[in-house]
Structures are given as C-alpha cells and as structure tokens.
C-alpha cells in the first residue's frame, strides 16, 4: 500500500466516509515542515501541540493535491489557524 492509499485508509471511518483532513505545519529540524493529518489529535496531554505552528482544513479535492503544492498554497502565515508560538 502506497503512502497516498495509506492516508486515505487512515482517514476513512467505519462507514466508508472520509474524515476532514488538515494541512499541519510542524516544527522541523530545518524549520517549518508541512504534513497531512487525518484529524487534529495532539496526543495525550496535548504533547504534540508544542510542535504545531499552524493548520488549515482541507477539502476532499485539496487532499488529492501533492504536499509540495499545498505547502505553496497554504504557507504557515496564510493558514486558517496559527498557534500562539513563534514561527
């Protein structure tokens, strides 16, 4: 199973519908890094929240776009939600 198929499978609920995905910018070793998340789950105790810089809800059509294209379309400063931390 490829990465794209794995993401789609992870986003499918028990009734076969796809949950709303997000483009999430996280702190990377070399600066902000984009990721696709199936849901906004920050882990027990919200431990992941410190690593999240911004996020943007995605439509089903946007989910089909490449991560590189989404990163250009929604840079951290243009995302719908930006966290209180410095970027």
Protein backbone atom coordinates (compact mmCIF):
# COMPACT_ATOMS: atom_id res chain seq x y z
CA UNK A 1 0.00 0.00 0.00
CA UNK A 2 1.42 3.37 -1.01
CA UNK A 3 1.57 6.43 1.24
CA UNK A 4 -1.39 8.10 -0.50
CA UNK A 5 -3.53 4.97 -0.14
CA UNK A 6 -2.43 4.63 3.47
CA UNK A 7 -3.50 8.20 4.24
CA UNK A 8 -6.87 7.62 2.59
CA UNK A 9 -7.34 4.38 4.55
CA UNK A 10 -6.41 6.11 7.80
CA UNK A 11 -8.93 8.87 7.07
CA UNK A 12 -11.81 6.51 6.28
CA UNK A 13 -14.30 5.96 9.05
CA UNK A 14 -16.16 2.71 9.68
CA UNK A 15 -18.99 3.75 7.34
CA UNK A 16 -16.58 4.41 4.45
CA UNK A 17 -16.73 8.21 4.51
CA UNK A 18 -13.54 10.25 4.62
CA UNK A 19 -12.96 12.44 7.66
CA UNK A 20 -11.89 16.03 7.07
CA UNK A 21 -8.10 16.18 6.66
CA UNK A 22 -5.79 19.03 7.64
CA UNK A 23 -2.55 20.51 6.37
CA UNK A 24 -0.48 20.96 9.53
CA UNK A 25 2.76 22.90 9.81
CA UNK A 26 5.06 21.49 12.49
CA UNK A 27 8.49 22.42 13.80
CA UNK A 28 11.05 20.54 11.75
CA UNK A 29 14.79 20.20 12.19
CA UNK A 30 15.31 22.73 9.38
CA UNK A 31 12.32 24.99 10.04
CA UNK A 32 8.56 24.63 9.46
CA UNK A 33 7.55 21.37 7.75
CA UNK A 34 4.14 20.57 6.22
CA UNK A 35 2.26 17.34 6.98
CA UNK A 36 -1.18 15.94 6.15
CA UNK A 37 -3.16 14.85 9.21
CA UNK A 38 -6.41 12.89 9.20
CA UNK A 39 -7.57 14.67 12.36
CA UNK A 40 -6.33 17.27 14.81
CA UNK A 41 -5.20 14.94 17.58
CA UNK A 42 -2.43 16.37 19.71
CA UNK A 43 -1.71 13.24 21.74
CA UNK A 44 -2.40 12.55 25.37
CA UNK A 45 -1.77 15.68 27.36
CA UNK A 46 -1.54 17.69 24.12
CA UNK A 47 2.20 16.93 23.88
CA UNK A 48 2.17 17.44 20.09
CA UNK A 49 0.63 20.94 20.33
CA UNK A 50 4.04 22.49 21.14
CA UNK A 51 5.31 21.24 17.76
CA UNK A 52 2.35 22.56 15.73
CA UNK A 53 2.75 26.01 14.19
CA UNK A 54 -0.43 26.30 12.10
CA UNK A 55 -3.13 24.23 10.40
CA UNK A 56 -5.55 24.53 7.51
CA UNK A 57 -8.67 22.37 6.97
CA UNK A 58 -8.59 20.69 3.54
CA UNK A 59 -11.39 19.74 1.18
CA UNK A 60 -11.51 16.32 -0.47
CA UNK A 61 -10.15 17.89 -3.67
CA UNK A 62 -7.28 19.54 -1.81
CA UNK A 63 -6.43 16.22 -0.15
CA UNK A 64 -5.67 14.83 -3.61
CA UNK A 65 -3.06 17.58 -4.21
CA UNK A 66 0.62 16.99 -3.53
CA UNK A 67 2.08 18.07 -0.22
CA UNK A 68 4.51 20.40 -2.04
CA UNK A 69 1.64 22.15 -3.82
CA UNK A 70 -0.37 22.50 -0.60
CA UNK A 71 2.69 23.95 1.15
CA UNK A 72 2.92 26.64 -1.53
CA UNK A 73 -0.84 27.25 -1.47
CA UNK A 74 -1.05 27.49 2.35
CA UNK A 75 2.24 28.68 3.84
CA UNK A 76 2.16 28.89 7.67
CA UNK A 77 1.31 32.59 7.68
CA UNK A 78 -1.76 32.02 5.43
CA UNK A 79 -3.27 29.08 7.31
CA UNK A 80 -6.70 29.42 8.90
CA UNK A 81 -5.35 28.78 12.41
CA UNK A 82 -1.96 29.84 13.68
CA UNK A 83 -0.72 28.87 17.11
CA UNK A 84 0.49 31.34 19.71
CA UNK A 85 4.07 30.10 19.38
CA UNK A 86 6.68 31.89 17.29
CA UNK A 87 7.15 30.63 13.74
